C-alpha atoms as a PDB file:
ATOM      1  CA  MET A   1     -16.580   4.340 -30.832  1.00  0.00           C
ATOM      2  CA  ALA A   2     -13.626   3.964 -33.203  1.00  0.00           C
ATOM      3  CA  VAL A   3     -11.897   0.632 -32.711  1.00  0.00           C
ATOM      4  CA  THR A   4      -8.540  -0.345 -34.189  1.00  0.00           C
ATOM      5  CA  ILE A   5      -6.855  -3.668 -33.553  1.00  0.00           C
ATOM      6  CA  TYR A   6      -3.131  -3.951 -34.229  1.00  0.00           C
ATOM      7  CA  GLY A   7      -1.245  -7.160 -34.844  1.00  0.00           C
ATOM      8  CA  ILE A   8      -0.186  -9.747 -37.381  1.00  0.00           C
ATOM      9  CA  LYS A   9      -2.679 -11.396 -39.709  1.00  0.00           C
ATOM     10  CA  ASN A  10      -1.673 -15.028 -39.139  1.00  0.00           C
ATOM     11  CA  CYS A  11      -1.261 -14.898 -35.349  1.00  0.00           C
ATOM     12  CA  ASP A  12      -3.621 -17.333 -33.574  1.00  0.00           C
ATOM     13  CA  THR A  13      -4.363 -14.886 -30.758  1.00  0.00           C
ATOM     14  CA  MET A  14      -5.188 -12.212 -33.326  1.00  0.00           C
ATOM     15  CA  LYS A  15      -7.598 -14.594 -35.041  1.00  0.00           C
ATOM     16  CA  LYS A  16      -9.351 -15.246 -31.709  1.00  0.00           C
ATOM     17  CA  ALA A  17      -9.602 -11.536 -30.927  1.00  0.00           C
ATOM     18  CA  ARG A  18     -10.934 -10.650 -34.377  1.00  0.00           C
ATOM     19  CA  SER A  19     -13.451 -13.501 -34.216  1.00  0.00           C
ATOM     20  CA  TRP A  20     -14.628 -12.250 -30.809  1.00  0.00           C
ATOM     21  CA  LEU A  21     -15.116  -8.735 -32.193  1.00  0.00           C
ATOM     22  CA  GLU A  22     -17.034 -10.050 -35.196  1.00  0.00           C
ATOM     23  CA  GLU A  23     -19.240 -12.363 -33.077  1.00  0.00           C
ATOM     24  CA  HIS A  24     -20.099  -9.391 -30.837  1.00  0.00           C
ATOM     25  CA  GLU A  25     -20.715  -7.129 -33.831  1.00  0.00           C
ATOM     26  CA  VAL A  26     -17.977  -4.677 -32.922  1.00  0.00           C
ATOM     27  CA  ALA A  27     -16.879  -2.758 -36.019  1.00  0.00           C
ATOM     28  CA  TYR A  28     -13.115  -2.386 -36.150  1.00  0.00           C
ATOM     29  CA  GLN A  29     -10.201  -1.542 -38.371  1.00  0.00           C
ATOM     30  CA  PHE A  30      -7.289  -3.970 -38.555  1.00  0.00           C
ATOM     31  CA  HIS A  31      -3.730  -2.632 -38.731  1.00  0.00           C
ATOM     32  CA  ASP A  32      -1.256  -5.319 -39.791  1.00  0.00           C
ATOM     33  CA  TYR A  33       2.218  -4.538 -38.424  1.00  0.00           C
ATOM     34  CA  LYS A  34       3.893  -6.712 -41.047  1.00  0.00           C
ATOM     35  CA  ALA A  35       2.160  -5.046 -44.000  1.00  0.00           C
ATOM     36  CA  LEU A  36       1.869  -1.466 -42.715  1.00  0.00           C
ATOM     37  CA  GLY A  37       4.609  -1.143 -40.086  1.00  0.00           C
ATOM     38  CA  ILE A  38       4.112   0.895 -36.929  1.00  0.00           C
ATOM     39  CA  ASP A  39       5.057   4.483 -36.280  1.00  0.00           C
ATOM     40  CA  ARG A  40       7.312   5.545 -33.466  1.00  0.00           C
ATOM     41  CA  ALA A  41       4.799   7.976 -31.941  1.00  0.00           C
ATOM     42  CA  ARG A  42       2.186   5.230 -31.526  1.00  0.00           C
ATOM     43  CA  LEU A  43       4.702   2.861 -29.925  1.00  0.00           C
ATOM     44  CA  GLU A  44       5.814   5.599 -27.546  1.00  0.00           C
ATOM     45  CA  ALA A  45       2.198   6.365 -26.600  1.00  0.00           C
ATOM     46  CA  TRP A  46       1.512   2.681 -25.879  1.00  0.00           C
ATOM     47  CA  ILE A  47       4.669   2.403 -23.772  1.00  0.00           C
ATOM     48  CA  ASP A  48       3.778   5.611 -21.891  1.00  0.00           C
ATOM     49  CA  GLN A  49       0.291   4.266 -21.175  1.00  0.00           C
ATOM     50  CA  ALA A  50       0.992   0.567 -20.515  1.00  0.00           C
ATOM     51  CA  GLY A  51       4.746   0.265 -19.897  1.00  0.00           C
ATOM     52  CA  LEU A  52       7.542  -1.205 -21.985  1.00  0.00           C
ATOM     53  CA  ASP A  53       7.262  -4.650 -20.398  1.00  0.00           C
ATOM     54  CA  THR A  54       3.601  -4.847 -21.418  1.00  0.00           C
ATOM     55  CA  VAL A  55       4.149  -3.739 -25.034  1.00  0.00           C
ATOM     56  CA  LEU A  56       7.350  -5.680 -25.762  1.00  0.00           C
ATOM     57  CA  ASN A  57       6.753  -9.370 -26.474  1.00  0.00           C
ATOM     58  CA  ARG A  58       9.708 -10.909 -24.637  1.00  0.00           C
ATOM     59  CA  ALA A  59       8.144 -14.384 -24.806  1.00  0.00           C
ATOM     60  CA  GLY A  60       8.040 -14.475 -28.599  1.00  0.00           C
ATOM     61  CA  THR A  61      10.469 -16.332 -30.805  1.00  0.00           C
ATOM     62  CA  THR A  62      11.728 -13.168 -32.501  1.00  0.00           C
ATOM     63  CA  PHE A  63      12.830 -11.628 -29.199  1.00  0.00           C
ATOM     64  CA  ARG A  64      14.305 -14.869 -27.855  1.00  0.00           C
ATOM     65  CA  LYS A  65      16.423 -15.267 -30.997  1.00  0.00           C
ATOM     66  CA  LEU A  66      18.209 -11.979 -30.315  1.00  0.00           C
ATOM     67  CA  PRO A  67      21.764 -12.310 -29.069  1.00  0.00           C
ATOM     68  CA  ASP A  68      22.007 -12.139 -25.255  1.00  0.00           C
ATOM     69  CA  ALA A  69      23.845  -8.817 -25.480  1.00  0.00           C
ATOM     70  CA  GLU A  70      20.852  -7.248 -27.267  1.00  0.00           C
ATOM     71  CA  ARG A  71      18.266  -8.655 -24.845  1.00  0.00           C
ATOM     72  CA  GLU A  72      20.052  -7.649 -21.656  1.00  0.00           C
ATOM     73  CA  ASN A  73      19.864  -4.075 -20.386  1.00  0.00           C
ATOM     74  CA  LEU A  74      17.456  -3.143 -23.151  1.00  0.00           C
ATOM     75  CA  THR A  75      16.755   0.591 -23.156  1.00  0.00           C
ATOM     76  CA  ARG A  76      13.465   2.121 -24.172  1.00  0.00           C
ATOM     77  CA  GLU A  77      15.097   3.616 -27.290  1.00  0.00           C
ATOM     78  CA  ARG A  78      16.608   0.313 -28.386  1.00  0.00           C
ATOM     79  CA  ALA A  79      13.352  -1.563 -27.687  1.00  0.00           C
ATOM     80  CA  ILE A  80      11.398   0.908 -29.850  1.00  0.00           C
ATOM     81  CA  ALA A  81      13.937   0.521 -32.666  1.00  0.00           C
ATOM     82  CA  LEU A  82      13.713  -3.281 -32.441  1.00  0.00           C
ATOM     83  CA  MET A  83       9.905  -3.270 -32.435  1.00  0.00           C
ATOM     84  CA  ARG A  84       9.838  -1.012 -35.494  1.00  0.00           C
ATOM     85  CA  GLU A  85      12.382  -3.200 -37.301  1.00  0.00           C
ATOM     86  CA  GLN A  86      10.657  -6.449 -36.309  1.00  0.00           C
ATOM     87  CA  PRO A  87       7.006  -5.837 -35.421  1.00  0.00           C
ATOM     88  CA  SER A  88       6.571  -9.436 -34.195  1.00  0.00           C
ATOM     89  CA  MET A  89       8.272  -8.165 -31.037  1.00  0.00           C
ATOM     90  CA  ILE A  90       5.153  -6.146 -30.221  1.00  0.00           C
ATOM     91  CA  LYS A  91       2.614  -7.958 -28.073  1.00  0.00           C
ATOM     92  CA  ARG A  92      -0.611  -8.679 -29.808  1.00  0.00           C
ATOM     93  CA  PRO A  93      -3.270  -7.872 -30.207  1.00  0.00           C
ATOM     94  CA  ILE A  94      -3.199  -4.256 -29.161  1.00  0.00           C
ATOM     95  CA  LEU A  95      -6.638  -2.731 -29.352  1.00  0.00           C
ATOM     96  CA  GLU A  96      -7.482   0.963 -29.153  1.00  0.00           C
ATOM     97  CA  ALA A  97     -11.116   1.718 -28.395  1.00  0.00           C
ATOM     98  CA  GLY A  98     -12.553   5.000 -27.203  1.00  0.00           C
ATOM     99  CA  GLY A  99      -9.382   6.055 -25.405  1.00  0.00           C
ATOM    100  CA  LYS A 100      -8.832   2.596 -23.879  1.00  0.00           C
ATOM    101  CA  LEU A 101      -5.822   0.445 -24.633  1.00  0.00           C
ATOM    102  CA  LEU A 102      -6.198  -3.334 -24.371  1.00  0.00           C
ATOM    103  CA  ILE A 103      -3.074  -5.443 -24.771  1.00  0.00           C
ATOM    104  CA  GLY A 104      -3.407  -9.169 -25.300  1.00  0.00           C
ATOM    105  CA  PHE A 105      -6.707 -10.983 -25.704  1.00  0.00           C
ATOM    106  CA  LYS A 106      -8.892 -11.987 -22.803  1.00  0.00           C
ATOM    107  CA  PRO A 107     -12.572 -12.465 -23.723  1.00  0.00           C
ATOM    108  CA  GLU A 108     -13.744 -11.220 -20.321  1.00  0.00           C
ATOM    109  CA  ILE A 109     -11.831  -7.954 -20.701  1.00  0.00           C
ATOM    110  CA  TYR A 110     -13.193  -7.428 -24.213  1.00  0.00           C
ATOM    111  CA  ALA A 111     -16.698  -8.184 -22.873  1.00  0.00           C
ATOM    112  CA  GLY A 112     -16.258  -5.587 -20.114  1.00  0.00           C
ATOM    113  CA  THR A 113     -15.207  -3.020 -22.696  1.00  0.00           C
ATOM    114  CA  PHE A 114     -17.804  -3.686 -25.387  1.00  0.00           C
ATOM    115  CA  ASP A 115     -20.719  -5.473 -23.756  1.00  0.00           C
ATOM    116  CA  GLY A 116     -20.809  -3.403 -20.578  1.00  0.00           C
END
């Protein structure tokens, strides 16, 4: 099964997720948003599958620093543009594995996907 994990190299949650994958001998590719960016089609697919509120990291510092006018009444189009401009606004990690999409890191969910 091809596994790709998307995120930011220095994020603590990313480090935990990558460590989990390595400890469980799950081969994966790492896509760093900061270094490689993220394409619009992939963001749209994630939003279609999981919903904008799941993909957009509203709790992060980058989003909270936006002016109120930009945060309120955020459209899908504007959210995609913001996430492409500032990838730290994308929740992380996002993991694609065999057609599954896992957003965020919960060891029990990873275990159910890879150990089950």
